Amino acid sequence: KHSLHLLSLPPKNDSFSLPGESLVRECWRWKDSTLGDGRDYFVPRPRALKAFHSLYVGMEITILFDNDDPLEVLLKLPSSEEGQSAAEVKLLVSDECASMDHGLGSSSKTFVVEECAALSLVSDECASMDHGLGSSSKTFVVEECAALSNCARLDVILVLAADKEDEAAKTEKAAEIAARHAVAYHLQQQVSSYRSKDISLLQRTGLSSWLDLPGAIHLDRDSTTTTTTKTTTNSLQKEQCTQITQLAHRLTSMEGPHSISTHLSLIAGGLAPRPNRPKREVIFRPYSSRDAHILLQLKRTVEVVSTTTSSTRGDEGDRKVNARSGRGRIKTLLDGALTAGKAARNEGVVPEIKRLKEYGSDGTPPVALANIVAEAAIERAVKPTVAICVTKLTAMETDTAEQISQLRRRVDEIVAFLANGLGDDMGTDKNHIQLKKMANKLLHEPTMRLRE
């Protein structure tokens, strides 16, 4: 069972009334420095994105419950070398701090760090962690990851695979907690590393904004992991654990194919709010080359989507992951978003956009008119594309594609058997070709039913 999650870096809170605000602001600064600050035209950084993705893929996240209450989050980090024990970060959490809910507009539970440690799965301490927890746990593995980073946002998309079938509501709750803490942990670690770095000459001159330099992403195990014969440690201070949990709660989260596909399609169409500028009104400008630049950013993101389908090592910390999976769920989401973004700017699909043509590439149309045209673009371009994307993702979950392949292989075998029985030369005889055409025609209706 797979679940889809999108975690967004939240807008800054100028009143500093929300917990973890300092870290949120540092995350934005780290994003601008490491993944790009946008300027007029955002320069994608595939090397840095690929390294950032590699931190997640293969990561195991276990949520330990006492009845229905989550008590611990265990993050088992993927090892960077063959035979090396994987470091594990343990966060003990509770839901007693109600003040963290104020102003967040979220229905999710609140979690506060009480204690944290880093243990090896083979250590003696780990063997005793389950005592008193009601023997209830849920484990997820990150199978795919992609980060959409541009001048306006930082969205991290994760595909989690659950270890077992369980009560749906409990699994969904645990999966959201897992995704939030995975993203919060890695962002906090990147910020912590970024703080300790000296400002380079390239940064001081502003040239680093145009370069995709190696080593921009801190790989957790490079310097913070100590290996012994029994344990692997990745020590965190209590203050760091508190920051991670506060950030986990602050992150904007959405789950499921429909909501994520809609979100990404609106971004691609230039129709989505911008988290770094929450007070700026979104005005649909389909003829703006600057707004259309998001399509290039999405294409570059698709190129470095990381999955667990490869056994080869890549560059810059890409540990046993495949950066270009042809049938991945995230690739399906991003391809759908690209389709929606192009359709929203296509006069043949959305003829209403012609009303905005007179404002050109740099002009700004009246808000009322832009909103009317935006609604038409959503109805004609975004919603149909989202429906198709959700259908494809549902088919992946039900193994429909494999069922169709098996059906076609079986029919091909029957056609070959019949053709051989007639003494045909496979692939060249007219009878064999005719049989193949008849089989394809008969397969069309059942194939379409399977896909639906």
Foldseek 3Di string as FASTA:
>chain_A
DKWKKKWWLFAQDVVPQAPLNVLSVLLLVLCCLQQHQAPLFAAGQLLSQLLLFLFAAFKKWKFFAQVLFTFKIKIFTDDLDPPFFTKIKMFGWGQPPPSNPPPQPDPAGAIAGPDMWIKTCQDPVVVPPNPPRNPDMKMWGWFWWFWQGHNQITMIMTMIDIPDDDDPVSNVNVVLLRVLLSVLLQSLVLSVVVVPDDQDPCVVVVVSNNDNDAPSGDRQCPPQWDGDPGIITRGDDSVSSRSSSSSSSNIDMDIDLLVLLLQLLCQQQQNDAGRHCNPDDRFGDLQAPSSNSSLVSLVSRQQQIWGQPAQDDDPRSNHNIDRHDPQDLVNLSSVLSSQLNVLLSDCVQQVLCVVNPVLHRPGGDDRVSRVVSVVSSCVRRRVVSSVVSNLSVVCVVVVLVVVLVVVVVVLLVVLVVVCVVVVHDPPPDPSSVVSVVVSVVVSVVVSVVSSD
